[in-house]
N, C-alpha and C. Protein backbone atom coordinates (compact mmCIF):
# COMPACT_ATOMS: atom_id res chain seq x y z
N MET A 1 32.53 41.34 -26.77
CA MET A 1 33.94 42.33 -26.88
C MET A 1 34.07 42.91 -27.64
N GLU A 2 34.15 44.75 -27.92
CA GLU A 2 34.52 45.49 -28.89
C GLU A 2 36.21 44.92 -29.19
N VAL A 3 35.92 45.16 -30.63
CA VAL A 3 37.30 44.61 -31.00
C VAL A 3 37.49 46.39 -32.69
N SER A 4 39.03 46.23 -32.60
CA SER A 4 38.97 47.19 -33.92
C SER A 4 38.67 46.01 -35.27
N ASN A 5 38.68 47.02 -36.28
CA ASN A 5 38.20 46.57 -37.73
C ASN A 5 39.22 45.14 -37.81
N ASP A 6 40.23 45.58 -37.73
CA ASP A 6 41.64 44.60 -38.47
C ASP A 6 41.67 43.33 -37.88
N LEU A 7 41.06 42.87 -36.47
CA LEU A 7 40.57 41.77 -35.62
C LEU A 7 40.19 40.34 -36.31
N GLU A 8 40.87 39.75 -36.75
CA GLU A 8 40.38 38.27 -37.47
C GLU A 8 39.45 37.62 -36.07
N VAL A 9 38.59 37.53 -36.88
CA VAL A 9 37.26 36.22 -35.79
C VAL A 9 37.36 34.67 -35.99
N PRO A 10 37.73 34.92 -34.46
CA PRO A 10 38.15 33.22 -34.14
C PRO A 10 37.12 32.52 -35.10
N SER A 11 37.90 31.23 -35.15
CA SER A 11 37.14 30.06 -35.58
C SER A 11 35.97 29.55 -34.96
N GLY A 12 34.70 29.66 -35.13
CA GLY A 12 33.63 29.30 -34.37
C GLY A 12 33.28 30.33 -33.15
N MET A 13 33.38 31.54 -33.78
CA MET A 13 32.51 32.87 -33.38
C MET A 13 32.21 33.22 -34.61
N ASP A 14 30.61 34.18 -34.41
CA ASP A 14 30.04 34.89 -35.25
C ASP A 14 30.83 36.58 -34.92
N GLU A 15 30.73 36.94 -35.49
CA GLU A 15 30.82 38.48 -35.97
C GLU A 15 29.53 39.41 -36.02
N VAL A 16 29.72 40.30 -35.00
CA VAL A 16 28.17 41.27 -34.72
C VAL A 16 28.84 42.56 -34.87
N VAL A 17 28.26 43.30 -35.89
CA VAL A 17 27.95 45.07 -36.37
C VAL A 17 26.75 45.75 -35.52
N ILE A 18 27.58 46.35 -33.93
CA ILE A 18 26.56 47.19 -33.78
C ILE A 18 26.32 48.54 -34.50
N PRO A 19 25.64 48.84 -35.10
CA PRO A 19 25.22 50.28 -35.80
C PRO A 19 25.01 51.04 -34.81
N PRO A 20 25.09 52.06 -35.09
CA PRO A 20 25.86 53.67 -33.40
C PRO A 20 23.48 54.04 -33.61
N GLY A 21 23.56 54.80 -32.28
CA GLY A 21 22.72 55.06 -32.06
C GLY A 21 22.61 55.42 -30.88
N LEU A 22 21.23 55.89 -30.66
CA LEU A 22 21.21 56.52 -28.83
C LEU A 22 19.99 54.94 -28.14
N TYR A 23 21.54 54.47 -26.79
CA TYR A 23 21.38 53.56 -26.45
C TYR A 23 20.52 53.98 -24.82
N ALA A 24 19.95 52.97 -23.71
CA ALA A 24 19.62 53.67 -22.70
C ALA A 24 20.49 52.31 -22.30
N LEU A 25 21.05 53.02 -20.54
CA LEU A 25 22.08 52.13 -20.51
C LEU A 25 21.32 51.67 -19.09
N PHE A 26 21.20 50.61 -18.36
CA PHE A 26 20.87 50.36 -16.76
C PHE A 26 21.73 49.96 -16.63
N LEU A 27 22.46 50.48 -15.46
CA LEU A 27 23.26 49.38 -14.15
C LEU A 27 22.61 48.65 -13.41
N TYR A 28 22.74 46.77 -13.39
CA TYR A 28 21.79 46.05 -12.65
C TYR A 28 22.63 46.27 -11.95
N LYS A 29 22.35 45.55 -10.17
CA LYS A 29 23.17 45.03 -9.31
C LYS A 29 21.85 43.78 -8.41
N GLY A 30 22.82 42.36 -9.47
CA GLY A 30 21.60 41.65 -8.48
C GLY A 30 21.75 40.21 -9.18
N PRO A 31 21.11 39.32 -8.85
CA PRO A 31 21.46 37.62 -9.50
C PRO A 31 20.98 37.86 -10.68
N SER A 32 21.77 37.35 -12.16
CA SER A 32 21.20 37.18 -13.58
C SER A 32 20.21 36.10 -13.77
N SER A 33 19.51 35.77 -12.42
CA SER A 33 18.51 34.52 -12.85
C SER A 33 17.03 36.16 -12.47
N ASP A 34 17.11 36.76 -11.77
CA ASP A 34 16.11 37.87 -11.74
C ASP A 34 15.36 38.49 -12.74
N ARG A 35 14.46 38.32 -13.44
CA ARG A 35 14.18 39.06 -14.96
C ARG A 35 13.59 40.07 -15.00
N ALA A 36 13.02 40.81 -12.99
CA ALA A 36 12.18 41.43 -12.72
C ALA A 36 12.23 42.96 -13.30
N VAL A 37 14.29 43.62 -13.52
CA VAL A 37 14.99 44.46 -14.13
C VAL A 37 14.50 44.28 -15.60
N PHE A 38 14.23 43.45 -16.31
CA PHE A 38 14.00 43.64 -17.79
C PHE A 38 12.32 43.87 -17.54
N GLN A 39 11.06 43.84 -16.82
CA GLN A 39 9.80 44.02 -16.59
C GLN A 39 10.05 45.38 -16.36
N TYR A 40 10.40 45.70 -15.82
CA TYR A 40 10.73 47.32 -15.03
C TYR A 40 11.59 48.35 -16.29
N ILE A 41 12.49 47.75 -17.35
CA ILE A 41 12.47 48.58 -18.02
C ILE A 41 11.20 49.07 -19.74
N PHE A 42 11.00 47.58 -19.82
CA PHE A 42 10.16 47.24 -21.09
C PHE A 42 8.41 47.38 -20.31
N ASN A 43 7.82 47.22 -19.42
CA ASN A 43 6.81 48.27 -18.86
C ASN A 43 6.84 49.15 -17.82
N THR A 44 7.48 49.58 -17.31
CA THR A 44 7.80 51.03 -16.50
C THR A 44 8.10 51.69 -17.24
N TRP A 45 9.58 52.04 -16.78
CA TRP A 45 10.79 52.88 -17.92
C TRP A 45 10.27 53.59 -19.16
N LEU A 46 10.28 52.64 -19.97
CA LEU A 46 10.14 52.61 -21.49
C LEU A 46 9.02 53.57 -21.59
N PRO A 47 7.76 52.78 -21.10
CA PRO A 47 6.28 53.69 -21.78
C PRO A 47 6.24 55.06 -21.22
N GLY A 48 7.08 55.27 -20.12
CA GLY A 48 7.30 56.70 -19.55
C GLY A 48 8.50 57.51 -20.05
N SER A 49 9.10 56.90 -20.77
CA SER A 49 10.49 57.91 -21.42
C SER A 49 10.06 58.73 -22.59
N GLY A 50 9.31 58.58 -23.49
CA GLY A 50 9.27 59.65 -24.91
C GLY A 50 10.38 58.94 -25.88
N TYR A 51 11.19 57.27 -25.20
CA TYR A 51 11.53 56.73 -26.57
C TYR A 51 10.27 55.65 -26.51
N GLU A 52 10.84 55.01 -27.69
CA GLU A 52 10.41 53.67 -27.96
C GLU A 52 11.89 52.79 -28.90
N LEU A 53 11.42 51.12 -28.36
CA LEU A 53 12.32 51.18 -29.13
C LEU A 53 13.03 50.96 -30.14
N ASP A 54 14.50 50.98 -30.66
CA ASP A 54 14.76 50.60 -31.94
C ASP A 54 15.37 49.68 -32.53
N ASP A 55 15.36 49.16 -33.90
CA ASP A 55 15.62 47.96 -34.64
C ASP A 55 17.35 48.00 -34.59
N ARG A 56 17.56 48.02 -33.77
CA ARG A 56 19.52 47.72 -33.46
C ARG A 56 19.14 46.25 -32.35
N PRO A 57 20.28 46.03 -32.24
CA PRO A 57 21.01 45.06 -31.13
C PRO A 57 20.75 45.45 -29.91
N HIS A 58 20.36 44.38 -28.87
CA HIS A 58 20.11 44.76 -27.64
C HIS A 58 21.36 43.79 -27.25
N TYR A 59 21.99 44.84 -25.86
CA TYR A 59 23.70 43.89 -25.01
C TYR A 59 23.47 44.32 -23.55
N GLU A 60 24.16 43.37 -23.48
CA GLU A 60 24.40 43.18 -22.14
C GLU A 60 26.28 43.12 -21.86
N ILE A 61 26.49 44.22 -21.03
CA ILE A 61 28.11 43.83 -20.65
C ILE A 61 28.50 43.23 -19.39
N LEU A 62 28.62 42.16 -19.18
CA LEU A 62 28.75 41.69 -18.22
C LEU A 62 30.68 41.38 -17.84
N GLY A 63 31.18 42.76 -16.73
CA GLY A 63 31.98 42.87 -16.64
C GLY A 63 32.97 42.22 -15.43
N GLU A 64 33.88 42.73 -14.49
CA GLU A 64 34.93 42.14 -13.80
C GLU A 64 33.47 42.17 -12.91
N LYS A 65 33.02 42.78 -12.46
CA LYS A 65 31.66 42.77 -10.67
C LYS A 65 30.83 41.43 -11.17
N TYR A 66 30.86 41.28 -12.73
CA TYR A 66 29.70 39.47 -13.03
C TYR A 66 30.19 38.74 -12.31
N ARG A 67 29.01 38.41 -11.52
CA ARG A 67 29.39 37.11 -10.79
C ARG A 67 27.84 35.90 -10.85
N ASN A 68 27.10 35.82 -12.38
CA ASN A 68 26.78 35.00 -12.51
C ASN A 68 25.39 34.86 -11.79
N ASN A 69 24.85 34.47 -11.10
CA ASN A 69 23.63 34.23 -9.74
C ASN A 69 23.81 35.29 -9.08
N ASP A 70 24.81 35.27 -8.16
CA ASP A 70 25.33 36.42 -7.14
C ASP A 70 24.45 37.85 -6.50
N PRO A 71 23.55 37.70 -5.46
CA PRO A 71 23.23 38.60 -5.55
C PRO A 71 23.87 39.96 -5.75
N GLU A 72 25.38 39.99 -5.83
CA GLU A 72 26.19 41.26 -5.35
C GLU A 72 26.86 41.22 -7.09
N SER A 73 26.03 40.90 -8.21
CA SER A 73 26.69 40.95 -9.51
C SER A 73 26.55 41.87 -9.81
N GLU A 74 26.95 42.42 -10.94
CA GLU A 74 26.58 43.46 -11.57
C GLU A 74 26.75 43.73 -12.63
N GLU A 75 26.27 44.29 -13.54
CA GLU A 75 26.56 44.17 -14.58
C GLU A 75 25.22 45.74 -16.01
N GLU A 76 25.74 45.69 -17.29
CA GLU A 76 25.37 46.85 -17.90
C GLU A 76 24.33 46.66 -18.58
N ILE A 77 23.47 46.97 -18.73
CA ILE A 77 22.18 46.38 -19.37
C ILE A 77 22.01 47.44 -20.68
N TRP A 78 21.73 47.28 -22.27
CA TRP A 78 22.12 48.39 -22.95
C TRP A 78 21.40 48.47 -23.82
N ILE A 79 19.68 49.15 -23.95
CA ILE A 79 19.07 48.53 -24.86
C ILE A 79 18.41 49.63 -26.04
N PRO A 80 18.58 50.25 -26.78
CA PRO A 80 18.73 50.91 -28.41
C PRO A 80 17.32 51.54 -28.13
N ILE A 81 17.40 53.10 -28.69
CA ILE A 81 16.25 53.50 -28.13
C ILE A 81 16.27 54.71 -29.39
N ARG A 82 15.25 55.29 -29.72
CA ARG A 82 14.92 56.79 -30.27
C ARG A 82 13.58 57.54 -30.08
N GLU A 83 13.77 58.70 -30.55
CA GLU A 83 12.70 59.75 -30.14
C GLU A 83 11.19 59.25 -30.71
N MET A 84 10.87 59.30 -29.64
CA MET A 84 8.95 58.43 -30.71
C MET A 84 8.73 59.46 -31.69
N ASN A 85 8.12 58.50 -32.71
CA ASN A 85 7.38 59.55 -33.92
C ASN A 85 8.66 59.55 -34.64
N GLN A 86 9.75 59.09 -34.75
CA GLN A 86 10.68 58.46 -35.78
C GLN A 86 11.04 58.72 -37.18
């Protein structure tokens, strides 16, 4: 969850700072057990995109429409990218 800088991290949790940069956002609808979306992102979309992976955290946002393994579940997948040859 995004928080302001003045929030104290609760005991048992770790702080992760995500550096700014370009991200590809994929809106995924389907069960979380179906990994085909990642096969598409890394084996189809990325090689033809003109971008390459950047060395920053990947993350997903599981919002109000997330339903774990439900076929109607929705989530956001954020992949860090940069233009090729940077």
